[in-house]
Amino acid sequence: MRLVLMRHAQAADGSPDHSRRLSQRGRDQAKERGRQLAQAQFDLALVSDAARTMETFLTLGLDVPEVRYEAELYFGSHHTIVDLVRTMPAELSTVLIIGHEPTVSHAASILAAQSQRVVEVRPGVSTSTAIVIDFDRWDGPGQITDIYRS
């Protein structure tokens, strides 16, 4: 079982925060990340309903059979992501979650607390970072196996 936990690509300045779109750099970041993740066979994508996360997902260009835009990934805490992952159905083998900081790095730190690479995400992650965490079971400990950064 594999989770790709990703922070949205770089957003342009503006307000309200929820409506901010990607900057040109952010669109470039998302295209690059999409190339890196293209071989993954995602079963599900859970994406914050903020404009920049939805645009990040669309710009990745991935073929995902089920996509859900979730307000709780914008308004919630790292516990929201941890709870979503811990209760994933066993038939899902590869899941993408796109959210925000510091929620993404905090969730990764909890989900992969015993991983040697957790120190790479604890201080926070930059825009468009994707953390790959492998699990034997969704409710078990995870291991960070890769980190894609811009």
N, C-alpha and C. Protein backbone atom coordinates (compact mmCIF):
# COMPACT_ATOMS: atom_id res chain seq x y z
N MET A 1 0.85 -1.17 0.00
CA MET A 1 0.00 0.00 0.00
C MET A 1 0.89 1.23 0.00
N ARG A 2 0.53 2.17 -0.84
CA ARG A 2 1.38 3.35 -1.01
C ARG A 2 0.54 4.62 -0.94
N LEU A 3 1.05 5.57 -0.17
CA LEU A 3 0.47 6.91 -0.07
C LEU A 3 1.46 7.90 -0.65
N VAL A 4 0.96 8.78 -1.51
CA VAL A 4 1.75 9.93 -1.94
C VAL A 4 1.06 11.14 -1.32
N LEU A 5 1.76 11.75 -0.39
CA LEU A 5 1.25 12.90 0.34
C LEU A 5 1.96 14.13 -0.20
N MET A 6 1.21 15.04 -0.78
CA MET A 6 1.81 16.14 -1.53
C MET A 6 1.30 17.50 -1.06
N ARG A 7 2.21 18.45 -0.99
CA ARG A 7 1.83 19.84 -0.79
C ARG A 7 1.54 20.45 -2.16
N HIS A 8 0.55 21.30 -2.25
CA HIS A 8 0.21 21.97 -3.51
C HIS A 8 1.42 22.71 -4.06
N ALA A 9 1.39 22.96 -5.35
CA ALA A 9 2.45 23.73 -6.01
C ALA A 9 2.34 25.21 -5.60
N GLN A 10 3.33 25.99 -5.97
CA GLN A 10 3.40 27.39 -5.53
C GLN A 10 2.20 28.19 -6.03
N ALA A 11 1.60 28.92 -5.11
CA ALA A 11 0.44 29.75 -5.43
C ALA A 11 0.83 31.21 -5.59
N ALA A 12 0.06 31.91 -6.37
CA ALA A 12 0.23 33.36 -6.51
C ALA A 12 -0.30 34.04 -5.25
N ASP A 13 0.17 35.24 -5.00
CA ASP A 13 -0.34 36.03 -3.88
C ASP A 13 -1.78 36.41 -4.16
N GLY A 14 -2.52 36.67 -3.10
CA GLY A 14 -3.89 37.14 -3.27
C GLY A 14 -4.78 36.74 -2.12
N SER A 15 -5.99 37.16 -2.19
CA SER A 15 -6.97 36.80 -1.19
C SER A 15 -8.35 36.81 -1.84
N PRO A 16 -9.29 36.07 -1.34
CA PRO A 16 -9.14 35.25 -0.13
C PRO A 16 -8.23 34.05 -0.38
N ASP A 17 -7.64 33.55 0.69
CA ASP A 17 -6.67 32.47 0.60
C ASP A 17 -7.22 31.25 -0.14
N HIS A 18 -8.44 30.88 0.14
CA HIS A 18 -9.04 29.68 -0.45
C HIS A 18 -9.11 29.76 -1.98
N SER A 19 -9.15 30.96 -2.52
CA SER A 19 -9.30 31.16 -3.97
C SER A 19 -7.99 31.37 -4.72
N ARG A 20 -6.86 31.35 -4.00
CA ARG A 20 -5.58 31.60 -4.67
C ARG A 20 -5.28 30.52 -5.69
N ARG A 21 -4.80 30.93 -6.85
CA ARG A 21 -4.47 30.02 -7.96
C ARG A 21 -2.95 29.82 -8.00
N LEU A 22 -2.50 28.93 -8.85
CA LEU A 22 -1.07 28.69 -8.99
C LEU A 22 -0.39 29.83 -9.75
N SER A 23 0.83 30.08 -9.38
CA SER A 23 1.68 31.00 -10.16
C SER A 23 2.23 30.21 -11.35
N GLN A 24 2.91 30.91 -12.26
CA GLN A 24 3.54 30.19 -13.38
C GLN A 24 4.55 29.18 -12.85
N ARG A 25 5.32 29.56 -11.85
CA ARG A 25 6.28 28.61 -11.24
C ARG A 25 5.53 27.41 -10.69
N GLY A 26 4.39 27.63 -10.06
CA GLY A 26 3.60 26.54 -9.52
C GLY A 26 3.10 25.59 -10.61
N ARG A 27 2.67 26.15 -11.73
CA ARG A 27 2.23 25.29 -12.84
C ARG A 27 3.39 24.45 -13.36
N ASP A 28 4.58 25.06 -13.43
CA ASP A 28 5.77 24.32 -13.87
C ASP A 28 6.13 23.22 -12.87
N GLN A 29 6.03 23.54 -11.58
CA GLN A 29 6.31 22.54 -10.55
C GLN A 29 5.35 21.35 -10.68
N ALA A 30 4.07 21.64 -10.84
CA ALA A 30 3.07 20.57 -10.92
C ALA A 30 3.28 19.70 -12.17
N LYS A 31 3.64 20.31 -13.28
CA LYS A 31 3.92 19.51 -14.49
C LYS A 31 5.10 18.57 -14.25
N GLU A 32 6.15 19.08 -13.63
CA GLU A 32 7.32 18.24 -13.33
C GLU A 32 6.94 17.10 -12.38
N ARG A 33 6.19 17.43 -11.35
CA ARG A 33 5.79 16.39 -10.39
C ARG A 33 4.91 15.36 -11.09
N GLY A 34 4.06 15.78 -11.98
CA GLY A 34 3.22 14.86 -12.74
C GLY A 34 4.05 13.89 -13.56
N ARG A 35 5.14 14.39 -14.16
CA ARG A 35 6.04 13.51 -14.91
C ARG A 35 6.67 12.47 -13.98
N GLN A 36 7.03 12.90 -12.78
CA GLN A 36 7.66 11.99 -11.83
C GLN A 36 6.69 10.94 -11.29
N LEU A 37 5.42 11.28 -11.20
CA LEU A 37 4.42 10.37 -10.64
C LEU A 37 3.63 9.62 -11.70
N ALA A 38 3.96 9.81 -12.95
CA ALA A 38 3.16 9.29 -14.06
C ALA A 38 3.04 7.77 -14.06
N GLN A 39 4.01 7.06 -13.55
CA GLN A 39 3.98 5.60 -13.57
C GLN A 39 3.11 5.01 -12.46
N ALA A 40 2.77 5.80 -11.47
CA ALA A 40 1.93 5.30 -10.37
C ALA A 40 0.52 5.01 -10.87
N GLN A 41 -0.06 3.97 -10.36
CA GLN A 41 -1.44 3.61 -10.69
C GLN A 41 -2.32 3.96 -9.49
N PHE A 42 -2.71 5.22 -9.39
CA PHE A 42 -3.50 5.67 -8.25
C PHE A 42 -4.92 5.13 -8.33
N ASP A 43 -5.43 4.68 -7.19
CA ASP A 43 -6.82 4.24 -7.07
C ASP A 43 -7.73 5.41 -6.69
N LEU A 44 -7.17 6.36 -5.95
CA LEU A 44 -7.96 7.44 -5.38
C LEU A 44 -7.08 8.66 -5.19
N ALA A 45 -7.65 9.83 -5.43
CA ALA A 45 -7.00 11.10 -5.08
C ALA A 45 -7.95 11.87 -4.18
N LEU A 46 -7.43 12.31 -3.04
CA LEU A 46 -8.15 13.19 -2.13
C LEU A 46 -7.45 14.53 -2.18
N VAL A 47 -8.18 15.56 -2.55
CA VAL A 47 -7.60 16.87 -2.84
C VAL A 47 -8.35 17.93 -2.05
N SER A 48 -7.61 18.80 -1.38
CA SER A 48 -8.23 19.94 -0.72
C SER A 48 -9.06 20.71 -1.74
N ASP A 49 -10.16 21.30 -1.29
CA ASP A 49 -11.02 22.02 -2.22
C ASP A 49 -10.58 23.47 -2.47
N ALA A 50 -9.38 23.83 -2.01
CA ALA A 50 -8.84 25.16 -2.32
C ALA A 50 -8.44 25.20 -3.80
N ALA A 51 -8.54 26.37 -4.40
CA ALA A 51 -8.26 26.52 -5.83
C ALA A 51 -6.87 26.03 -6.19
N ARG A 52 -5.85 26.35 -5.39
CA ARG A 52 -4.47 25.98 -5.73
C ARG A 52 -4.23 24.47 -5.66
N THR A 53 -4.91 23.76 -4.77
CA THR A 53 -4.72 22.31 -4.70
C THR A 53 -5.47 21.63 -5.85
N MET A 54 -6.66 22.11 -6.17
CA MET A 54 -7.38 21.53 -7.30
C MET A 54 -6.61 21.77 -8.59
N GLU A 55 -6.06 22.97 -8.76
CA GLU A 55 -5.28 23.27 -9.96
C GLU A 55 -4.00 22.44 -10.00
N THR A 56 -3.38 22.23 -8.83
CA THR A 56 -2.20 21.36 -8.78
C THR A 56 -2.55 19.97 -9.29
N PHE A 57 -3.65 19.41 -8.78
CA PHE A 57 -4.05 18.07 -9.21
C PHE A 57 -4.30 18.02 -10.71
N LEU A 58 -5.04 18.96 -11.23
CA LEU A 58 -5.34 18.96 -12.66
C LEU A 58 -4.08 19.10 -13.51
N THR A 59 -3.14 19.92 -13.05
CA THR A 59 -1.90 20.15 -13.80
C THR A 59 -0.97 18.94 -13.75
N LEU A 60 -1.10 18.10 -12.72
CA LEU A 60 -0.30 16.87 -12.66
C LEU A 60 -0.57 16.00 -13.89
N GLY A 61 -1.80 16.04 -14.38
CA GLY A 61 -2.16 15.27 -15.57
C GLY A 61 -2.24 13.77 -15.35
N LEU A 62 -2.55 13.36 -14.14
CA LEU A 62 -2.62 11.93 -13.82
C LEU A 62 -4.01 11.37 -14.12
N ASP A 63 -4.05 10.12 -14.50
CA ASP A 63 -5.31 9.42 -14.74
C ASP A 63 -5.68 8.67 -13.46
N VAL A 64 -6.61 9.24 -12.70
CA VAL A 64 -7.03 8.65 -11.43
C VAL A 64 -8.52 8.35 -11.53
N PRO A 65 -8.94 7.11 -11.27
CA PRO A 65 -10.34 6.75 -11.47
C PRO A 65 -11.32 7.43 -10.51
N GLU A 66 -10.86 7.76 -9.31
CA GLU A 66 -11.75 8.43 -8.35
C GLU A 66 -11.02 9.61 -7.73
N VAL A 67 -11.63 10.78 -7.83
CA VAL A 67 -11.07 12.01 -7.27
C VAL A 67 -12.14 12.63 -6.39
N ARG A 68 -11.74 12.98 -5.16
CA ARG A 68 -12.66 13.67 -4.25
C ARG A 68 -12.01 14.96 -3.76
N TYR A 69 -12.76 16.05 -3.91
CA TYR A 69 -12.30 17.35 -3.41
C TYR A 69 -12.91 17.54 -2.03
N GLU A 70 -12.05 17.67 -1.03
CA GLU A 70 -12.47 17.63 0.37
C GLU A 70 -12.17 18.95 1.09
N ALA A 71 -13.21 19.60 1.59
CA ALA A 71 -13.03 20.82 2.38
C ALA A 71 -12.22 20.54 3.65
N GLU A 72 -12.38 19.35 4.20
CA GLU A 72 -11.68 19.04 5.45
C GLU A 72 -10.15 19.02 5.26
N LEU A 73 -9.68 18.86 4.03
CA LEU A 73 -8.24 18.92 3.80
C LEU A 73 -7.74 20.37 3.77
N TYR A 74 -8.64 21.31 3.62
CA TYR A 74 -8.27 22.72 3.71
C TYR A 74 -8.40 23.22 5.15
N PHE A 75 -9.53 22.89 5.78
CA PHE A 75 -9.82 23.43 7.10
C PHE A 75 -9.29 22.56 8.24
N GLY A 76 -9.01 21.28 7.97
CA GLY A 76 -8.62 20.34 9.01
C GLY A 76 -7.15 20.44 9.39
N SER A 77 -6.80 19.61 10.34
CA SER A 77 -5.41 19.55 10.82
C SER A 77 -4.75 18.28 10.29
N HIS A 78 -3.53 18.06 10.73
CA HIS A 78 -2.82 16.84 10.35
C HIS A 78 -3.56 15.59 10.81
N HIS A 79 -4.32 15.71 11.90
CA HIS A 79 -5.12 14.57 12.37
C HIS A 79 -6.15 14.14 11.32
N THR A 80 -6.64 15.10 10.55
CA THR A 80 -7.60 14.78 9.48
C THR A 80 -6.97 13.81 8.48
N ILE A 81 -5.76 14.11 8.04
CA ILE A 81 -5.08 13.24 7.08
C ILE A 81 -4.76 11.89 7.71
N VAL A 82 -4.24 11.90 8.93
CA VAL A 82 -3.90 10.65 9.61
C VAL A 82 -5.15 9.77 9.73
N ASP A 83 -6.26 10.34 10.14
CA ASP A 83 -7.50 9.57 10.28
C ASP A 83 -7.98 9.03 8.93
N LEU A 84 -7.89 9.84 7.87
CA LEU A 84 -8.28 9.37 6.53
C LEU A 84 -7.43 8.18 6.10
N VAL A 85 -6.13 8.27 6.31
CA VAL A 85 -5.23 7.19 5.90
C VAL A 85 -5.48 5.93 6.73
N ARG A 86 -5.58 6.08 8.02
CA ARG A 86 -5.75 4.93 8.91
C ARG A 86 -7.04 4.16 8.65
N THR A 87 -8.02 4.82 8.03
CA THR A 87 -9.31 4.16 7.77
C THR A 87 -9.53 3.86 6.28
N MET A 88 -8.48 3.92 5.47
CA MET A 88 -8.60 3.60 4.04
C MET A 88 -9.02 2.14 3.89
N PRO A 89 -9.89 1.86 2.95
CA PRO A 89 -10.23 0.46 2.67
C PRO A 89 -9.01 -0.32 2.16
N ALA A 90 -8.89 -1.55 2.57
CA ALA A 90 -7.74 -2.38 2.22
C ALA A 90 -7.60 -2.59 0.71
N GLU A 91 -8.71 -2.48 -0.03
CA GLU A 91 -8.63 -2.71 -1.48
C GLU A 91 -7.95 -1.56 -2.23
N LEU A 92 -7.74 -0.43 -1.57
CA LEU A 92 -7.01 0.67 -2.20
C LEU A 92 -5.52 0.42 -2.03
N SER A 93 -4.80 0.40 -3.15
CA SER A 93 -3.36 0.12 -3.04
C SER A 93 -2.50 1.37 -3.15
N THR A 94 -2.95 2.38 -3.89
CA THR A 94 -2.16 3.59 -4.06
C THR A 94 -3.07 4.80 -4.02
N VAL A 95 -2.77 5.72 -3.09
CA VAL A 95 -3.63 6.88 -2.86
C VAL A 95 -2.77 8.15 -2.90
N LEU A 96 -3.32 9.19 -3.51
CA LEU A 96 -2.70 10.51 -3.56
C LEU A 96 -3.53 11.46 -2.71
N ILE A 97 -2.87 12.19 -1.81
CA ILE A 97 -3.52 13.24 -1.03
C ILE A 97 -2.77 14.53 -1.29
N ILE A 98 -3.48 15.58 -1.69
CA ILE A 98 -2.86 16.89 -1.92
C ILE A 98 -3.45 17.88 -0.92
N GLY A 99 -2.57 18.47 -0.13
CA GLY A 99 -3.01 19.40 0.90
C GLY A 99 -2.06 20.56 1.07
N HIS A 100 -1.96 21.02 2.31
CA HIS A 100 -1.28 22.27 2.65
C HIS A 100 -0.27 22.06 3.78
N GLU A 101 0.56 23.06 3.97
CA GLU A 101 1.49 23.07 5.09
C GLU A 101 0.90 23.90 6.23
N PRO A 102 1.17 23.53 7.47
CA PRO A 102 2.08 22.48 7.93
C PRO A 102 1.42 21.09 8.03
N THR A 103 0.18 21.00 7.57
CA THR A 103 -0.59 19.76 7.70
C THR A 103 0.11 18.58 7.05
N VAL A 104 0.64 18.76 5.83
CA VAL A 104 1.27 17.65 5.10
C VAL A 104 2.48 17.11 5.86
N SER A 105 3.39 17.98 6.26
CA SER A 105 4.60 17.50 6.93
C SER A 105 4.29 16.90 8.30
N HIS A 106 3.34 17.48 9.02
CA HIS A 106 2.97 16.92 10.32
C HIS A 106 2.34 15.55 10.17
N ALA A 107 1.46 15.40 9.19
CA ALA A 107 0.84 14.09 8.96
C ALA A 107 1.89 13.06 8.57
N ALA A 108 2.81 13.41 7.69
CA ALA A 108 3.87 12.48 7.28
C ALA A 108 4.72 12.08 8.48
N SER A 109 4.98 13.02 9.37
CA SER A 109 5.78 12.74 10.55
C SER A 109 5.10 11.74 11.48
N ILE A 110 3.79 11.78 11.53
CA ILE A 110 3.04 10.82 12.36
C ILE A 110 2.92 9.47 11.65
N LEU A 111 2.54 9.49 10.37
CA LEU A 111 2.32 8.25 9.64
C LEU A 111 3.60 7.45 9.45
N ALA A 112 4.74 8.12 9.39
CA ALA A 112 6.03 7.45 9.18
C ALA A 112 7.00 7.77 10.31
N ALA A 113 6.49 7.80 11.53
CA ALA A 113 7.27 8.22 12.69
C ALA A 113 8.54 7.40 12.89
N GLN A 114 8.52 6.13 12.52
CA GLN A 114 9.68 5.26 12.72
C GLN A 114 10.63 5.23 11.52
N SER A 115 10.27 5.91 10.45
CA SER A 115 11.08 5.92 9.24
C SER A 115 12.34 6.76 9.46
N GLN A 116 13.46 6.27 8.97
CA GLN A 116 14.71 7.03 9.10
C GLN A 116 14.63 8.37 8.36
N ARG A 117 13.82 8.44 7.33
CA ARG A 117 13.76 9.66 6.52
C ARG A 117 12.78 10.69 7.08
N VAL A 118 12.14 10.40 8.20
CA VAL A 118 11.16 11.34 8.74
C VAL A 118 11.80 12.69 9.08
N VAL A 119 13.07 12.69 9.40
CA VAL A 119 13.75 13.95 9.73
C VAL A 119 13.78 14.90 8.54
N GLU A 120 13.60 14.36 7.33
CA GLU A 120 13.61 15.20 6.12
C GLU A 120 12.31 15.98 5.94
N VAL A 121 11.25 15.57 6.61
CA VAL A 121 9.96 16.25 6.45
C VAL A 121 9.49 16.95 7.72
N ARG A 122 10.07 16.64 8.86
CA ARG A 122 9.62 17.23 10.13
C ARG A 122 9.68 18.75 10.15
N PRO A 123 10.72 19.37 9.61
CA PRO A 123 10.74 20.84 9.68
C PRO A 123 9.77 21.52 8.71
N GLY A 124 9.10 20.74 7.87
CA GLY A 124 8.20 21.31 6.88
C GLY A 124 8.70 21.00 5.48
N VAL A 125 7.82 21.15 4.51
CA VAL A 125 8.18 20.86 3.12
C VAL A 125 7.82 22.04 2.23
N SER A 126 8.58 22.20 1.17
CA SER A 126 8.33 23.30 0.23
C SER A 126 7.18 22.94 -0.71
N THR A 127 6.75 23.92 -1.47
CA THR A 127 5.66 23.70 -2.41
C THR A 127 6.00 22.60 -3.39
N SER A 128 5.00 21.82 -3.73
CA SER A 128 5.08 20.73 -4.70
C SER A 128 5.89 19.52 -4.23
N THR A 129 6.25 19.47 -2.97
CA THR A 129 6.93 18.29 -2.44
C THR A 129 5.94 17.15 -2.35
N ALA A 130 6.37 15.97 -2.80
CA ALA A 130 5.55 14.75 -2.69
C ALA A 130 6.32 13.73 -1.87
N ILE A 131 5.71 13.26 -0.80
CA ILE A 131 6.32 12.30 0.11
C ILE A 131 5.66 10.95 -0.15
N VAL A 132 6.46 9.95 -0.48
CA VAL A 132 5.95 8.61 -0.75
C VAL A 132 6.13 7.77 0.50
N ILE A 133 5.02 7.24 1.01
CA ILE A 133 5.04 6.44 2.24
C ILE A 133 4.42 5.08 1.92
N ASP A 134 5.17 4.02 2.18
CA ASP A 134 4.68 2.66 1.96
C ASP A 134 4.22 2.05 3.29
N PHE A 135 3.13 1.29 3.20
CA PHE A 135 2.53 0.63 4.36
C PHE A 135 2.31 -0.85 4.06
N ASP A 136 2.37 -1.69 5.09
CA ASP A 136 1.89 -3.07 4.96
C ASP A 136 0.37 -3.08 5.13
N ARG A 137 -0.11 -2.21 6.02
CA ARG A 137 -1.55 -2.01 6.26
C ARG A 137 -1.75 -0.51 6.46
N TRP A 138 -2.91 -0.01 6.01
CA TRP A 138 -3.16 1.42 6.15
C TRP A 138 -3.13 1.88 7.61
N ASP A 139 -3.50 1.01 8.52
CA ASP A 139 -3.52 1.42 9.93
C ASP A 139 -2.22 1.06 10.66
N GLY A 140 -1.20 0.68 9.90
CA GLY A 140 0.09 0.34 10.49
C GLY A 140 1.12 1.43 10.26
N PRO A 141 2.35 1.18 10.72
CA PRO A 141 3.42 2.17 10.54
C PRO A 141 3.86 2.24 9.08
N GLY A 142 4.21 3.42 8.64
CA GLY A 142 4.66 3.63 7.27
C GLY A 142 6.15 3.91 7.21
N GLN A 143 6.71 3.71 6.02
CA GLN A 143 8.12 4.03 5.76
C GLN A 143 8.19 4.99 4.58
N ILE A 144 8.90 6.08 4.76
CA ILE A 144 9.11 7.02 3.66
C ILE A 144 10.11 6.38 2.71
N THR A 145 9.68 6.16 1.47
CA THR A 145 10.54 5.51 0.49
C THR A 145 11.08 6.48 -0.56
N ASP A 146 10.45 7.64 -0.67
CA ASP A 146 10.92 8.63 -1.64
C ASP A 146 10.37 9.99 -1.28
N ILE A 147 11.08 11.02 -1.67
CA ILE A 147 10.61 12.40 -1.51
C ILE A 147 10.97 13.14 -2.78
N TYR A 148 9.95 13.67 -3.46
CA TYR A 148 10.18 14.47 -4.66
C TYR A 148 10.07 15.94 -4.29
N ARG A 149 11.09 16.70 -4.61
CA ARG A 149 11.12 18.13 -4.29
C ARG A 149 11.42 18.94 -5.54
N SER A 150 11.03 20.21 -5.49
CA SER A 150 11.35 21.11 -6.60
C SER A 150 12.71 21.71 -6.42
